[in-house]
Amino acid sequence: MPTDTTAVAPQSLTALPQWKALESHFEQSRSVHLREMFKSDAKRAQTLSVEGPSGMFLDYSKQRVTAQTMQLLLALAEARGLRARIDAMFRGEKINVTEERAVLHVALRAPRDAHILVDGVDVVPGVHEVLDRMGAFADAIRSGAWKGHTGKRIRTVINIGIGGSDLGPAMAYDALCAYTTREISFRFVSNVDATDFAEKTRDCDPAQTLFIVCSKTFTTLETMTNANTAREWLLKGLGADSAAVAKHFVAVSTNAKKVSAFGIDTANMFGFWDWVGGRYSMDSAIGLSTMIAVGPTGFQEMLSGFHEMDEHFRITPFAKNLPVIMALVGIWNSNFFGSQTLAVLPYDQYLDRFSSYLQQLEMESNGKHVALDGSRVTWETCPSVWGQPGTNGQHAFYQMIHQGTRLVPCDFIAFCEPLNPIGIHQDLLMANVLAQAEALAFGKTLQEVEAEGSPAWLAPHRQFDGNRPSTMIMAPRLTPAALGRLIALYEHKVFVQGTIWGINSFDQWGVELGKVLAQRIIPELSGTAPTPAHDASTQQLIARYRTTRGR
């Protein structure tokens, strides 16, 4: 069995003296209100806030922690061997033990003069060779030098992928829309539901459409189903000339044989590596659509932001390390206060898909009940991640966050400078995010409500407990570099939490079983397989489907 020499025995977590110290501290501090914490410590806001790279500011003073809490959490991180784990990842050691792979998304944004070894081979030159090829291709599409089969320039780019091959590029396109070329439209197809493909291509001209098919193996069921449908759609629109495929399809893959058989010129195949997990791949060739949208320079700026946060994470002492602090606060909320969810609330419409992106990053990474040594963990791991941009969410689910019966920690994300400076909009937006964090923390007492003149029968309905924890992430402006820093912040936070929980954050066996069963059920639905043998419920549903479809 593969071993990880940097991993600490996972079964020891709750038996550690550092954990016991946290349990004792929690019992002593759990009932202390944030109102009292701020009243008793005039410097609390300054003490519990940190400035990171390029003005990224983290204020966690509205979390239910004290300086002592953080010291105890930092001691836990040390006891779990966090420093050794960070160093092992950056050295290219195979810390993904279940797949015997290195974990090197940090190499995707390393500068040209960096050196990162995997099995004795420096991977950085290969990364930049792919980036250079991507840049040349992106420039050709953006300039119109690349022509479709009929000689027309490309006006629509459609990314076909799923999971990390879709969520990252789709999120990045929305996030960086202000920096994109408006001469080309970008769309993303992921769902095997035919509606996704039909709606995304409904008004497209095949002669001016380019498909980017993202599948490392070129066998992913959903992706290849959509890719084959796209191929049929294209050929139908261009007179069934198979030579057209090479001018309207490119691949992000490592399977040259299948790519060629599809009709794609392997000169237009962009590869990546097995040490890049899907949910960590948006800054690899998977980001080709992003590079076409923002240009090679904009993409490089994003990579620079990633790298800046990587270096901050690698070298900054843990007490001032943004990903470490966020991770430890999350441990405190999940494992001690028992919170089951995390709301991520960006106050920027361009980050509309950011919470969806984080759902995969966090929940596929740390949604595990098996420890590194194969034992079952006996503590909570990943919370459910959800959210929506403010101020829309305020008129939807904030009621529950403020007055519901469940504790919902929140990450607020805000930018000081607007990308669309129109009237007073930005002031109103920022006033709302600051007000929401303040209201969650301090609430409004029954006495305050009554003092405002509310009748006694109504006052309880207008009273807010407060003491609801939140973190504020504030940055100057949403730029490509800022987006890179923000994503890397959450990537490394996930890594820290996985290290403390003693799980492998870099495999995803939980997605496999359903995929295997689906392959078995497909012919059963069509009637080409024998009578299915499943549980009574599944068998009944298959029969009903077949009857409805006349099979």
Protein backbone atom coordinates (compact mmCIF):
# COMPACT_ATOMS: atom_id res chain seq x y z
CA MET A 1 0.00 0.00 0.00
CA PRO A 2 1.37 3.46 -0.85
CA THR A 3 2.49 5.45 2.14
CA ASP A 4 2.73 9.17 2.77
CA THR A 5 5.60 9.92 5.10
CA THR A 6 4.29 13.41 5.82
CA ALA A 7 0.84 12.27 6.98
CA VAL A 8 0.02 12.13 10.67
CA ALA A 9 -1.95 9.13 11.93
CA PRO A 10 -5.56 10.25 11.36
CA GLN A 11 -7.11 8.30 14.22
CA SER A 12 -5.12 10.43 16.65
CA LEU A 13 -6.93 13.70 15.88
CA THR A 14 -9.52 13.81 18.67
CA ALA A 15 -7.08 12.20 21.11
CA LEU A 16 -4.47 14.90 20.62
CA PRO A 17 -3.83 17.15 23.62
CA GLN A 18 -4.21 20.11 21.25
CA TRP A 19 -7.73 18.90 20.38
CA LYS A 20 -8.56 18.34 24.04
CA ALA A 21 -7.37 21.85 24.79
CA LEU A 22 -9.70 23.20 22.10
CA GLU A 23 -12.62 21.22 23.54
CA SER A 24 -11.98 22.70 26.97
CA HIS A 25 -11.63 26.20 25.55
CA PHE A 26 -14.85 25.77 23.58
CA GLU A 27 -16.82 24.85 26.68
CA GLN A 28 -15.53 27.96 28.42
CA SER A 29 -16.13 30.36 25.51
CA ARG A 30 -19.09 29.00 23.54
CA SER A 31 -21.66 31.24 25.26
CA VAL A 32 -19.67 34.46 24.93
CA HIS A 33 -21.41 36.84 22.52
CA LEU A 34 -19.57 38.80 19.86
CA ARG A 35 -20.93 41.94 21.50
CA GLU A 36 -18.96 41.07 24.63
CA MET A 37 -15.85 40.12 22.67
CA PHE A 38 -15.71 43.50 20.94
CA LYS A 39 -16.58 45.38 24.13
CA SER A 40 -13.82 43.71 26.13
CA ASP A 41 -11.10 44.09 23.48
CA ALA A 42 -10.73 47.51 21.88
CA LYS A 43 -8.12 46.17 19.46
CA ARG A 44 -10.03 43.06 18.43
CA ALA A 45 -10.62 44.22 14.84
CA GLN A 46 -6.94 44.91 14.29
CA THR A 47 -5.78 41.76 16.07
CA LEU A 48 -8.07 39.46 14.11
CA SER A 49 -7.46 40.77 10.63
CA VAL A 50 -4.62 40.21 8.18
CA GLU A 51 -3.51 41.86 4.97
CA GLY A 52 -2.34 39.43 2.32
CA PRO A 53 -0.90 39.81 -1.17
CA SER A 54 -1.72 42.95 -3.19
CA GLY A 55 -4.13 44.40 -0.68
CA MET A 56 -6.32 41.34 -0.13
CA PHE A 57 -7.67 41.95 3.35
CA LEU A 58 -9.10 39.30 5.66
CA ASP A 59 -11.16 40.45 8.64
CA TYR A 60 -12.21 37.50 10.79
CA SER A 61 -12.92 39.51 13.93
CA LYS A 62 -16.64 38.75 13.52
CA GLN A 63 -15.92 35.03 13.90
CA ARG A 64 -16.56 33.59 17.36
CA VAL A 65 -12.87 33.24 18.12
CA THR A 66 -10.39 34.97 20.37
CA ALA A 67 -6.64 35.32 20.18
CA GLN A 68 -6.47 32.30 22.49
CA THR A 69 -8.73 30.30 20.15
CA MET A 70 -6.40 31.03 17.26
CA GLN A 71 -3.32 30.06 19.26
CA LEU A 72 -4.91 26.72 20.12
CA LEU A 73 -5.95 26.13 16.51
CA LEU A 74 -2.46 26.99 15.30
CA ALA A 75 -1.06 24.48 17.76
CA LEU A 76 -3.39 21.86 16.28
CA ALA A 77 -2.14 22.67 12.78
CA GLU A 78 1.43 22.21 13.94
CA ALA A 79 0.55 18.92 15.61
CA ARG A 80 -1.01 17.67 12.38
CA GLY A 81 2.22 18.30 10.50
CA LEU A 82 0.88 21.09 8.29
CA ARG A 83 4.30 22.57 7.51
CA ALA A 84 5.67 19.23 6.33
CA ARG A 85 2.57 18.65 4.20
CA ILE A 86 2.87 22.04 2.52
CA ASP A 87 6.54 21.44 1.76
CA ALA A 88 5.79 17.95 0.43
CA MET A 89 3.14 19.30 -1.95
CA PHE A 90 5.39 22.02 -3.32
CA ARG A 91 8.25 19.50 -3.72
CA GLY A 92 6.08 17.33 -5.94
CA GLU A 93 5.82 14.38 -3.57
CA LYS A 94 2.98 11.94 -4.24
CA ILE A 95 0.70 13.05 -1.45
CA ASN A 96 -2.37 11.82 -3.36
CA VAL A 97 -1.73 8.33 -2.02
CA THR A 98 -4.83 6.55 -3.33
CA GLU A 99 -3.90 7.42 -6.91
CA GLU A 100 -0.13 7.56 -6.33
CA ARG A 101 0.13 11.04 -7.79
CA ALA A 102 1.76 14.33 -7.00
CA VAL A 103 -0.51 17.32 -6.36
CA LEU A 104 0.95 20.18 -8.33
CA HIS A 105 -1.63 22.68 -9.45
CA VAL A 106 0.89 25.20 -8.09
CA ALA A 107 3.20 24.23 -11.00
CA LEU A 108 0.58 25.43 -13.48
CA ARG A 109 1.23 29.02 -12.44
CA ALA A 110 4.91 28.81 -11.59
CA PRO A 111 7.15 31.30 -13.46
CA ARG A 112 9.41 30.07 -16.24
CA ASP A 113 12.53 30.14 -14.10
CA ALA A 114 11.00 27.95 -11.37
CA HIS A 115 11.99 24.29 -10.93
CA ILE A 116 9.50 21.71 -9.67
CA LEU A 117 10.38 18.03 -9.95
CA VAL A 118 8.10 15.03 -10.36
CA ASP A 119 9.93 11.69 -10.46
CA GLY A 120 13.14 13.64 -11.08
CA VAL A 121 11.76 15.58 -14.07
CA ASP A 122 11.30 19.35 -14.01
CA VAL A 123 7.67 19.90 -15.05
CA VAL A 124 7.81 23.69 -15.40
CA PRO A 125 9.18 23.76 -19.00
CA GLY A 126 6.34 21.48 -20.12
CA VAL A 127 3.78 23.73 -18.46
CA HIS A 128 5.08 26.77 -20.32
CA GLU A 129 5.32 24.91 -23.62
CA VAL A 130 1.57 24.25 -23.38
CA LEU A 131 0.88 27.83 -22.28
CA ASP A 132 2.82 29.15 -25.27
CA ARG A 133 0.86 26.95 -27.67
CA MET A 134 -2.38 28.03 -26.03
CA GLY A 135 -1.34 31.67 -26.41
CA ALA A 136 -0.60 31.31 -30.11
CA PHE A 137 -3.92 29.59 -30.69
CA ALA A 138 -5.84 32.16 -28.65
CA ASP A 139 -4.26 34.99 -30.61
CA ALA A 140 -5.20 33.31 -33.89
CA ILE A 141 -8.85 33.01 -32.83
CA ARG A 142 -9.02 36.53 -31.39
CA SER A 143 -7.41 38.16 -34.44
CA GLY A 144 -9.46 36.24 -36.97
CA ALA A 145 -6.37 34.58 -38.45
CA TRP A 146 -7.95 31.20 -37.69
CA LYS A 147 -10.75 30.63 -40.16
CA GLY A 148 -13.50 28.05 -40.09
CA HIS A 149 -14.08 25.50 -42.86
CA THR A 150 -15.91 28.00 -45.09
CA GLY A 151 -13.37 30.79 -44.57
CA LYS A 152 -15.38 32.72 -41.98
CA ARG A 153 -13.83 33.79 -38.70
CA ILE A 154 -14.92 32.28 -35.40
CA ARG A 155 -17.62 34.22 -33.57
CA THR A 156 -18.73 31.67 -30.95
CA VAL A 157 -16.59 29.44 -28.75
CA ILE A 158 -18.35 26.58 -26.95
CA ASN A 159 -16.51 24.74 -24.19
CA ILE A 160 -17.67 21.13 -23.76
CA GLY A 161 -16.68 19.55 -20.46
CA ILE A 162 -18.05 18.59 -17.07
CA GLY A 163 -16.98 19.02 -13.46
CA GLY A 164 -13.70 20.87 -13.29
CA SER A 165 -13.56 21.01 -17.08
CA ASP A 166 -16.69 23.16 -17.02
CA LEU A 167 -17.10 24.82 -13.64
CA GLY A 168 -13.70 26.52 -13.69
CA PRO A 169 -13.84 27.95 -17.23
CA ALA A 170 -17.51 28.93 -16.90
CA MET A 171 -16.90 30.67 -13.57
CA ALA A 172 -13.78 32.43 -14.88
CA TYR A 173 -15.57 33.70 -17.98
CA ASP A 174 -18.32 35.27 -15.88
CA ALA A 175 -15.84 36.61 -13.33
CA LEU A 176 -13.63 38.23 -15.96
CA CYS A 177 -16.36 39.24 -18.39
CA ALA A 178 -15.35 42.89 -18.11
CA TYR A 179 -11.94 41.98 -19.55
CA THR A 180 -13.13 39.73 -22.39
CA THR A 181 -13.31 40.38 -26.10
CA ARG A 182 -16.88 41.18 -27.09
CA GLU A 183 -16.32 40.12 -30.70
CA ILE A 184 -16.64 36.47 -29.66
CA SER A 185 -19.36 34.93 -27.53
CA PHE A 186 -18.53 32.12 -25.10
CA ARG A 187 -20.83 29.32 -24.03
CA PHE A 188 -20.45 26.24 -21.87
CA VAL A 189 -22.08 22.86 -22.36
CA SER A 190 -21.78 20.27 -19.60
CA ASN A 191 -25.07 18.56 -18.84
CA VAL A 192 -25.83 15.35 -20.73
CA ASP A 193 -29.42 16.61 -20.84
CA ALA A 194 -29.87 17.46 -24.54
CA THR A 195 -31.51 20.74 -23.56
CA ASP A 196 -28.13 22.13 -22.53
CA PHE A 197 -26.65 21.55 -25.99
CA ALA A 198 -29.81 22.57 -27.85
CA GLU A 199 -30.14 25.90 -26.07
CA LYS A 200 -26.45 26.79 -26.27
CA THR A 201 -26.34 26.21 -30.04
CA ARG A 202 -29.84 27.39 -30.92
CA ASP A 203 -28.74 30.66 -32.54
CA CYS A 204 -25.19 29.66 -33.57
CA ASP A 205 -23.82 29.58 -37.10
CA PRO A 206 -21.88 26.32 -37.55
CA ALA A 207 -19.51 28.08 -39.96
CA GLN A 208 -18.44 30.47 -37.18
CA THR A 209 -18.48 28.15 -34.16
CA LEU A 210 -15.49 26.54 -32.46
CA PHE A 211 -15.86 23.70 -29.95
CA ILE A 212 -13.27 23.02 -27.25
CA VAL A 213 -13.70 19.43 -26.04
CA CYS A 214 -12.20 19.00 -22.57
CA SER A 215 -11.64 15.39 -21.50
CA LYS A 216 -8.29 14.06 -20.37
CA THR A 217 -9.08 10.52 -21.57
CA PHE A 218 -11.52 11.58 -24.30
CA THR A 219 -13.91 8.98 -22.87
CA THR A 220 -15.92 10.97 -20.27
CA LEU A 221 -19.53 9.92 -20.88
CA GLU A 222 -21.24 13.30 -20.65
CA THR A 223 -18.50 15.20 -22.45
CA MET A 224 -18.14 12.76 -25.34
CA THR A 225 -21.92 12.44 -25.75
CA ASN A 226 -22.11 16.22 -26.13
CA ALA A 227 -19.01 16.27 -28.36
CA ASN A 228 -20.47 13.69 -30.72
CA THR A 229 -23.74 15.61 -30.83
CA ALA A 230 -21.77 18.77 -31.61
CA ARG A 231 -19.95 16.96 -34.42
CA GLU A 232 -23.24 15.83 -35.95
CA TRP A 233 -24.66 19.35 -35.58
CA LEU A 234 -21.63 20.86 -37.29
CA LEU A 235 -21.58 18.40 -40.19
CA LYS A 236 -25.30 18.82 -40.74
CA GLY A 237 -24.79 22.56 -41.00
CA LEU A 238 -21.73 22.38 -43.23
CA GLY A 239 -22.75 19.79 -45.78
CA ALA A 240 -21.46 16.61 -44.13
CA ASP A 241 -17.84 17.35 -45.06
CA SER A 242 -15.80 15.59 -42.36
CA ALA A 243 -12.82 17.83 -43.12
CA ALA A 244 -14.74 20.61 -41.37
CA VAL A 245 -14.21 18.98 -37.98
CA ALA A 246 -10.53 19.92 -37.86
CA LYS A 247 -11.35 23.61 -38.33
CA HIS A 248 -14.12 23.72 -35.74
CA PHE A 249 -12.92 21.42 -32.96
CA VAL A 250 -9.88 21.43 -30.71
CA ALA A 251 -9.20 19.13 -27.77
CA VAL A 252 -7.88 19.44 -24.25
CA SER A 253 -6.83 15.85 -23.75
CA THR A 254 -3.94 13.41 -23.53
CA ASN A 255 -5.48 10.68 -25.71
CA ALA A 256 -4.07 11.48 -29.15
CA LYS A 257 -5.49 8.31 -30.70
CA LYS A 258 -9.09 9.06 -29.79
CA VAL A 259 -8.70 12.76 -30.54
CA SER A 260 -7.45 11.93 -34.05
CA ALA A 261 -10.21 9.37 -34.62
CA PHE A 262 -12.76 12.08 -33.75
CA GLY A 263 -11.34 14.19 -36.58
CA ILE A 264 -9.38 16.74 -34.56
CA ASP A 265 -5.88 17.59 -35.72
CA THR A 266 -3.58 16.54 -32.86
CA ALA A 267 -1.59 19.70 -33.52
CA ASN A 268 -4.60 21.37 -31.88
CA MET A 269 -4.63 19.04 -28.88
CA PHE A 270 -3.55 20.68 -25.63
CA GLY A 271 -2.47 18.34 -22.86
CA PHE A 272 -2.18 18.40 -19.11
CA TRP A 273 -0.89 16.01 -16.48
CA ASP A 274 -2.06 13.40 -14.02
CA TRP A 275 -0.82 15.56 -11.16
CA VAL A 276 -3.55 18.10 -12.02
CA GLY A 277 -6.91 17.24 -10.48
CA GLY A 278 -9.97 18.29 -12.45
CA ARG A 279 -11.19 20.79 -9.87
CA TYR A 280 -7.71 22.34 -9.77
CA SER A 281 -7.28 22.54 -13.55
CA MET A 282 -8.80 25.85 -14.66
CA ASP A 283 -5.33 27.39 -15.02
CA SER A 284 -4.11 24.49 -17.18
CA ALA A 285 -5.13 23.89 -20.82
CA ILE A 286 -8.66 23.45 -19.41
CA GLY A 287 -8.60 27.25 -19.29
CA LEU A 288 -8.17 27.57 -23.06
CA SER A 289 -11.59 29.22 -23.41
CA THR A 290 -10.60 31.65 -20.65
CA MET A 291 -7.39 32.53 -22.49
CA ILE A 292 -9.27 33.14 -25.72
CA ALA A 293 -11.75 35.33 -23.85
CA VAL A 294 -9.29 37.53 -21.93
CA GLY A 295 -6.22 37.08 -24.14
CA PRO A 296 -2.85 35.57 -23.25
CA THR A 297 -1.83 38.67 -21.29
CA GLY A 298 -4.97 38.61 -19.17
CA PHE A 299 -4.56 34.88 -18.58
CA GLN A 300 -0.97 35.40 -17.49
CA GLU A 301 -2.10 38.09 -15.07
CA MET A 302 -4.50 35.58 -13.56
CA LEU A 303 -1.70 33.01 -13.25
CA SER A 304 0.46 35.63 -11.55
CA GLY A 305 -2.28 36.17 -8.99
CA PHE A 306 -2.47 32.43 -8.34
CA HIS A 307 1.29 32.28 -7.89
CA GLU A 308 1.31 35.26 -5.56
CA MET A 309 -1.11 33.49 -3.22
CA ASP A 310 0.83 30.22 -3.62
CA GLU A 311 3.96 31.92 -2.36
CA HIS A 312 2.09 33.64 0.45
CA PHE A 313 0.77 30.25 1.53
CA ARG A 314 4.15 28.57 1.20
CA ILE A 315 6.30 31.00 3.16
CA THR A 316 4.09 33.12 5.43
CA PRO A 317 3.97 32.19 9.12
CA PHE A 318 0.71 30.46 9.90
CA ALA A 319 -0.54 33.21 12.22
CA LYS A 320 -0.56 35.65 9.27
CA ASN A 321 -1.31 33.11 6.53
CA LEU A 322 -4.68 33.79 4.91
CA PRO A 323 -5.53 30.24 3.76
CA VAL A 324 -4.41 28.79 7.09
CA ILE A 325 -6.50 31.26 9.09
CA MET A 326 -9.61 30.62 6.98
CA ALA A 327 -9.12 26.87 7.29
CA LEU A 328 -8.70 26.98 11.06
CA VAL A 329 -11.74 29.18 11.53
CA GLY A 330 -13.69 26.69 9.42
CA ILE A 331 -12.47 23.82 11.64
CA TRP A 332 -13.63 25.75 14.70
CA ASN A 333 -17.09 26.32 13.22
CA SER A 334 -17.56 22.79 11.85
CA ASN A 335 -15.97 20.62 14.48
CA PHE A 336 -16.76 22.57 17.62
CA PHE A 337 -19.84 24.71 16.94
CA GLY A 338 -21.27 21.94 14.74
CA SER A 339 -22.11 24.12 11.74
CA GLN A 340 -23.14 22.01 8.75
CA THR A 341 -22.87 24.58 5.96
CA LEU A 342 -20.79 27.50 4.72
CA ALA A 343 -22.40 30.37 2.82
CA VAL A 344 -20.09 32.11 0.35
CA LEU A 345 -21.57 35.49 -0.49
CA PRO A 346 -19.71 37.57 -3.11
CA TYR A 347 -20.92 41.13 -3.45
CA ASP A 348 -20.01 41.32 -7.11
CA GLN A 349 -22.31 40.16 -9.87
CA TYR A 350 -19.35 38.95 -11.94
CA LEU A 351 -18.83 36.25 -9.28
CA ASP A 352 -22.27 34.80 -9.94
CA ARG A 353 -20.85 31.27 -10.40
CA PHE A 354 -18.17 31.44 -7.73
CA SER A 355 -20.16 29.60 -5.07
CA SER A 356 -20.98 26.83 -7.56
CA TYR A 357 -17.29 26.55 -8.39
CA LEU A 358 -16.42 26.27 -4.70
CA GLN A 359 -18.99 23.53 -4.22
CA GLN A 360 -16.85 21.18 -6.28
CA LEU A 361 -13.54 22.50 -4.97
CA GLU A 362 -14.52 22.04 -1.32
CA MET A 363 -17.06 19.22 -1.34
CA GLU A 364 -15.36 16.94 -3.85
CA SER A 365 -12.04 17.52 -2.10
CA ASN A 366 -13.04 17.13 1.53
CA GLY A 367 -16.39 15.36 1.42
CA LYS A 368 -14.74 12.18 2.70
CA HIS A 369 -15.37 9.72 5.53
CA VAL A 370 -12.20 7.70 4.96
CA ALA A 371 -8.86 8.70 6.45
CA LEU A 372 -5.52 8.43 4.69
CA ASP A 373 -4.85 5.07 6.29
CA GLY A 374 -8.22 3.65 5.19
CA SER A 375 -9.89 3.92 8.60
CA ARG A 376 -13.20 5.67 9.01
CA VAL A 377 -13.02 9.15 10.49
CA THR A 378 -15.03 9.82 13.63
CA TRP A 379 -15.25 13.59 13.24
CA GLU A 380 -17.06 15.89 10.83
CA THR A 381 -15.27 16.85 7.64
CA CYS A 382 -16.57 19.11 4.86
CA PRO A 383 -19.59 21.40 5.30
CA SER A 384 -22.07 21.98 2.49
CA VAL A 385 -21.04 25.06 0.50
CA TRP A 386 -23.65 27.33 -1.05
CA GLY A 387 -24.37 30.94 -1.79
CA GLN A 388 -25.40 33.63 -4.23
CA PRO A 389 -24.21 37.14 -5.02
CA GLY A 390 -25.43 39.95 -2.82
CA THR A 391 -27.74 41.78 -2.78
CA ASN A 392 -30.00 39.17 -4.40
CA GLY A 393 -29.43 36.67 -1.60
CA GLN A 394 -30.60 39.21 0.96
CA HIS A 395 -34.09 38.92 -0.50
CA ALA A 396 -33.98 35.13 -0.59
CA PHE A 397 -32.23 33.22 2.19
CA TYR A 398 -30.68 35.78 4.54
CA GLN A 399 -33.79 35.53 6.72
CA MET A 400 -32.67 32.03 7.72
CA ILE A 401 -29.09 33.12 8.32
CA HIS A 402 -30.22 35.96 10.61
CA GLN A 403 -33.10 34.36 12.51
CA GLY A 404 -33.07 30.66 11.67
CA THR A 405 -32.33 27.84 14.08
CA ARG A 406 -29.11 26.72 12.35
CA LEU A 407 -25.72 28.36 12.64
CA VAL A 408 -24.53 29.37 9.16
CA PRO A 409 -21.01 30.82 8.99
CA CYS A 410 -20.58 33.23 6.09
CA ASP A 411 -17.72 34.32 3.87
CA PHE A 412 -18.42 37.78 2.46
CA ILE A 413 -16.36 38.85 -0.56
CA ALA A 414 -16.25 42.51 -1.60
CA PHE A 415 -14.23 44.82 -3.84
CA CYS A 416 -13.73 48.51 -3.13
CA GLU A 417 -13.51 49.73 -6.72
CA PRO A 418 -16.33 48.94 -9.17
CA LEU A 419 -15.74 47.70 -12.70
CA ASN A 420 -18.87 49.56 -13.81
CA PRO A 421 -18.83 52.90 -11.94
CA ILE A 422 -22.41 54.06 -12.37
CA GLY A 423 -23.90 56.55 -9.94
CA ILE A 424 -24.10 55.42 -6.32
CA HIS A 425 -24.41 51.69 -7.07
CA GLN A 426 -21.07 50.71 -5.54
CA ASP A 427 -21.67 52.66 -2.36
CA LEU A 428 -25.05 50.95 -1.97
CA LEU A 429 -23.51 47.55 -2.65
CA MET A 430 -20.73 48.05 -0.11
CA ALA A 431 -23.13 49.49 2.47
CA ASN A 432 -25.16 46.31 2.20
CA VAL A 433 -22.30 43.87 2.63
CA LEU A 434 -20.92 45.77 5.62
CA ALA A 435 -24.38 46.06 7.15
CA GLN A 436 -25.13 42.38 6.75
CA ALA A 437 -21.91 41.35 8.49
CA GLU A 438 -22.58 43.84 11.29
CA ALA A 439 -26.18 42.69 11.71
CA LEU A 440 -25.18 39.03 11.83
CA ALA A 441 -22.55 39.70 14.47
CA PHE A 442 -24.38 42.04 16.80
CA GLY A 443 -28.07 41.62 16.04
CA LYS A 444 -30.64 43.66 17.91
CA THR A 445 -31.73 42.97 21.47
CA LEU A 446 -35.32 42.82 22.63
CA GLN A 447 -34.73 45.94 24.68
CA GLU A 448 -33.48 47.82 21.61
CA VAL A 449 -36.52 46.75 19.62
CA GLU A 450 -38.90 47.83 22.36
CA ALA A 451 -37.06 51.14 22.75
CA GLU A 452 -37.83 51.83 19.09
CA GLY A 453 -41.51 51.66 19.92
CA SER A 454 -42.46 48.17 18.79
CA PRO A 455 -45.46 46.77 20.68
CA ALA A 456 -44.67 43.91 23.03
CA TRP A 457 -46.41 41.30 20.85
CA LEU A 458 -44.34 42.29 17.79
CA ALA A 459 -40.97 42.84 19.46
CA PRO A 460 -39.88 39.15 19.53
CA HIS A 461 -40.37 38.93 15.76
CA ARG A 462 -38.06 41.90 15.23
CA GLN A 463 -35.36 40.81 17.65
CA PHE A 464 -32.08 39.39 16.27
CA ASP A 465 -29.81 37.21 18.38
CA GLY A 466 -26.68 38.14 16.48
CA ASN A 467 -23.57 36.14 17.33
CA ARG A 468 -23.64 34.74 13.80
CA PRO A 469 -20.05 34.32 12.55
CA SER A 470 -18.71 35.77 9.33
CA THR A 471 -15.44 36.56 7.61
CA MET A 472 -14.93 39.52 5.30
CA ILE A 473 -12.59 39.18 2.33
CA MET A 474 -11.99 42.60 0.81
CA ALA A 475 -9.79 43.47 -2.15
CA PRO A 476 -9.24 46.65 -4.15
CA ARG A 477 -10.71 45.51 -7.48
CA LEU A 478 -11.80 42.35 -9.31
CA THR A 479 -9.00 41.87 -11.84
CA PRO A 480 -7.62 38.69 -13.45
CA ALA A 481 -4.85 38.67 -10.83
CA ALA A 482 -7.34 39.21 -8.01
CA LEU A 483 -9.41 36.27 -9.25
CA GLY A 484 -6.30 34.09 -9.24
CA ARG A 485 -5.49 35.10 -5.68
CA LEU A 486 -9.05 34.45 -4.55
CA ILE A 487 -9.24 30.97 -6.08
CA ALA A 488 -5.83 29.98 -4.73
CA LEU A 489 -6.91 31.23 -1.29
CA TYR A 490 -9.74 28.69 -1.25
CA GLU A 491 -7.63 25.93 -2.85
CA HIS A 492 -5.07 26.14 -0.06
CA LYS A 493 -7.74 26.51 2.61
CA VAL A 494 -9.15 23.17 1.42
CA PHE A 495 -5.69 21.61 1.60
CA VAL A 496 -5.15 22.78 5.18
CA GLN A 497 -8.50 21.44 6.33
CA GLY A 498 -7.88 18.10 4.63
CA THR A 499 -4.53 17.88 6.37
CA ILE A 500 -6.06 18.49 9.79
CA TRP A 501 -8.92 16.07 9.16
CA GLY A 502 -6.42 13.45 7.97
CA ILE A 503 -8.12 12.80 4.61
CA ASN A 504 -6.99 12.81 0.98
CA SER A 505 -8.29 16.03 -0.55
CA PHE A 506 -7.19 15.04 -4.03
CA ASP A 507 -9.11 11.92 -5.03
CA GLN A 508 -12.82 11.62 -5.76
CA TRP A 509 -13.86 7.98 -5.56
CA GLY A 510 -17.30 9.07 -4.46
CA VAL A 511 -18.23 10.07 -8.00
CA GLU A 512 -17.39 6.66 -9.48
CA LEU A 513 -20.11 4.30 -8.27
CA GLY A 514 -23.00 6.19 -9.83
CA LYS A 515 -21.12 6.44 -13.13
CA VAL A 516 -20.52 2.69 -13.19
CA LEU A 517 -24.17 1.91 -12.46
CA ALA A 518 -25.30 4.40 -15.11
CA GLN A 519 -23.32 2.51 -17.77
CA ARG A 520 -25.15 -0.65 -16.73
CA ILE A 521 -28.56 1.00 -16.80
CA ILE A 522 -28.20 2.69 -20.21
CA PRO A 523 -28.88 -0.45 -22.29
CA GLU A 524 -31.57 -1.50 -19.85
CA LEU A 525 -33.47 1.72 -20.53
CA SER A 526 -33.23 1.25 -24.28
CA GLY A 527 -34.48 -2.32 -24.12
CA THR A 528 -31.33 -3.81 -25.65
CA ALA A 529 -30.30 -5.52 -22.42
CA PRO A 530 -32.00 -8.40 -20.58
CA THR A 531 -34.61 -7.72 -17.92
CA PRO A 532 -32.80 -5.61 -15.35
CA ALA A 533 -31.92 -7.00 -11.94
CA HIS A 534 -31.88 -4.14 -9.45
CA ASP A 535 -33.56 -3.29 -6.20
CA ALA A 536 -37.35 -3.19 -6.43
CA SER A 537 -37.50 0.60 -6.57
CA THR A 538 -34.96 1.00 -9.38
CA GLN A 539 -36.47 -1.87 -11.32
CA GLN A 540 -39.93 -0.31 -11.03
CA LEU A 541 -38.63 3.04 -12.29
CA ILE A 542 -36.82 1.45 -15.24
CA ALA A 543 -40.00 -0.39 -16.20
CA ARG A 544 -42.03 2.78 -15.97
CA TYR A 545 -39.57 4.67 -18.16
CA ARG A 546 -39.56 1.94 -20.79
CA THR A 547 -43.36 1.77 -20.82
CA THR A 548 -43.63 5.54 -21.18
CA ARG A 549 -41.17 5.49 -24.08
CA GLY A 550 -42.90 2.54 -25.71
CA ARG A 551 -40.00 0.10 -25.31
